[in-house]
Amino acid sequence: MLMNTLSASYHRSNPGGVRHWLWIVCLWFARTRQRQALRALDSRLLDDIGVTEEERREELAKPFWR
């Protein structure tokens, strides 16, 4: 994926560049997909990965930029 090809060190050294903003948008999309997957898990699967219902609620309550 594109996020893997853009180095984190570049983003810290060039925070206003186009690559930096592209990386941020990709990160937001990745977080959204991960939270959608987390939302779809039932209690048995949450238990398998060691996540409590409370931890899931906290994660799902976060805005995409956090």
C-alpha atoms as a PDB file:
ATOM      1  CA  MET A   1       0.000   0.000   0.000  1.00  0.00           C
ATOM      2  CA  LEU A   2       1.020   3.587  -0.480  1.00  0.00           C
ATOM      3  CA  MET A   3       1.464   4.223   3.261  1.00  0.00           C
ATOM      4  CA  ASN A   4       4.222   1.630   3.378  1.00  0.00           C
ATOM      5  CA  THR A   5       6.170   3.292   0.581  1.00  0.00           C
ATOM      6  CA  LEU A   6       6.286   6.700   2.201  1.00  0.00           C
ATOM      7  CA  SER A   7       8.775   6.861   5.025  1.00  0.00           C
ATOM      8  CA  ALA A   8       7.774   8.328   8.376  1.00  0.00           C
ATOM      9  CA  SER A   9      11.058  10.237   8.565  1.00  0.00           C
ATOM     10  CA  TYR A  10      10.171  12.105   5.372  1.00  0.00           C
ATOM     11  CA  HIS A  11       6.865  13.199   6.867  1.00  0.00           C
ATOM     12  CA  ARG A  12       8.534  14.595   9.946  1.00  0.00           C
ATOM     13  CA  SER A  13      11.106  16.488   7.889  1.00  0.00           C
ATOM     14  CA  ASN A  14       8.619  17.859   5.324  1.00  0.00           C
ATOM     15  CA  PRO A  15       5.295  18.355   7.135  1.00  0.00           C
ATOM     16  CA  GLY A  16       3.789  20.637   4.495  1.00  0.00           C
ATOM     17  CA  GLY A  17       4.531  18.541   1.421  1.00  0.00           C
ATOM     18  CA  VAL A  18       2.015  16.822  -0.802  1.00  0.00           C
ATOM     19  CA  ARG A  19       3.390  13.405   0.150  1.00  0.00           C
ATOM     20  CA  HIS A  20       2.851  14.226   3.799  1.00  0.00           C
ATOM     21  CA  TRP A  21      -0.809  15.085   3.247  1.00  0.00           C
ATOM     22  CA  LEU A  22      -1.323  12.059   1.024  1.00  0.00           C
ATOM     23  CA  TRP A  23       0.154   9.879   3.757  1.00  0.00           C
ATOM     24  CA  ILE A  24      -2.204  11.437   6.323  1.00  0.00           C
ATOM     25  CA  VAL A  25      -5.269  10.786   4.135  1.00  0.00           C
ATOM     26  CA  CYS A  26      -4.174   7.172   3.608  1.00  0.00           C
ATOM     27  CA  LEU A  27      -3.749   6.820   7.364  1.00  0.00           C
ATOM     28  CA  TRP A  28      -7.276   8.147   7.938  1.00  0.00           C
ATOM     29  CA  PHE A  29      -8.708   5.632   5.463  1.00  0.00           C
ATOM     30  CA  ALA A  30      -6.767   2.805   7.122  1.00  0.00           C
ATOM     31  CA  ARG A  31      -8.097   3.776  10.551  1.00  0.00           C
ATOM     32  CA  THR A  32     -11.635   3.868   9.195  1.00  0.00           C
ATOM     33  CA  ARG A  33     -11.282   0.373   7.676  1.00  0.00           C
ATOM     34  CA  GLN A  34      -9.766  -1.018  10.874  1.00  0.00           C
ATOM     35  CA  ARG A  35     -12.540   0.448  12.997  1.00  0.00           C
ATOM     36  CA  GLN A  36     -15.179  -0.944  10.640  1.00  0.00           C
ATOM     37  CA  ALA A  37     -13.599  -4.376  11.046  1.00  0.00           C
ATOM     38  CA  LEU A  38     -13.499  -3.955  14.825  1.00  0.00           C
ATOM     39  CA  ARG A  39     -17.177  -2.964  14.823  1.00  0.00           C
ATOM     40  CA  ALA A  40     -18.051  -6.189  12.975  1.00  0.00           C
ATOM     41  CA  LEU A  41     -16.429  -8.536  15.528  1.00  0.00           C
ATOM     42  CA  ASP A  42     -18.640 -10.437  17.934  1.00  0.00           C
ATOM     43  CA  SER A  43     -17.796 -10.880  21.628  1.00  0.00           C
ATOM     44  CA  ARG A  44     -16.111 -14.254  21.046  1.00  0.00           C
ATOM     45  CA  LEU A  45     -13.726 -12.810  18.473  1.00  0.00           C
ATOM     46  CA  LEU A  46     -13.038  -9.777  20.670  1.00  0.00           C
ATOM     47  CA  ASP A  47     -12.108 -12.173  23.460  1.00  0.00           C
ATOM     48  CA  ASP A  48      -9.794 -14.048  21.080  1.00  0.00           C
ATOM     49  CA  ILE A  49      -7.829 -10.872  20.317  1.00  0.00           C
ATOM     50  CA  GLY A  50      -7.870  -9.660  23.918  1.00  0.00           C
ATOM     51  CA  VAL A  51     -10.069  -6.600  23.439  1.00  0.00           C
ATOM     52  CA  THR A  52     -12.871  -5.809  25.867  1.00  0.00           C
ATOM     53  CA  GLU A  53     -16.231  -4.329  24.892  1.00  0.00           C
ATOM     54  CA  GLU A  54     -15.231  -1.123  26.694  1.00  0.00           C
ATOM     55  CA  GLU A  55     -11.959  -0.882  24.730  1.00  0.00           C
ATOM     56  CA  ARG A  56     -13.903  -1.406  21.506  1.00  0.00           C
ATOM     57  CA  ARG A  57     -16.417   1.312  22.410  1.00  0.00           C
ATOM     58  CA  GLU A  58     -13.564   3.714  23.208  1.00  0.00           C
ATOM     59  CA  GLU A  59     -11.831   2.998  19.898  1.00  0.00           C
ATOM     60  CA  LEU A  60     -15.043   3.288  17.868  1.00  0.00           C
ATOM     61  CA  ALA A  61     -15.874   6.616  19.535  1.00  0.00           C
ATOM     62  CA  LYS A  62     -12.671   8.220  18.239  1.00  0.00           C
ATOM     63  CA  PRO A  63     -12.876  10.463  15.190  1.00  0.00           C
ATOM     64  CA  PHE A  64     -11.009   9.236  12.091  1.00  0.00           C
ATOM     65  CA  TRP A  65      -8.188  11.733  12.599  1.00  0.00           C
ATOM     66  CA  ARG A  66      -7.236  10.319  16.021  1.00  0.00           C
END
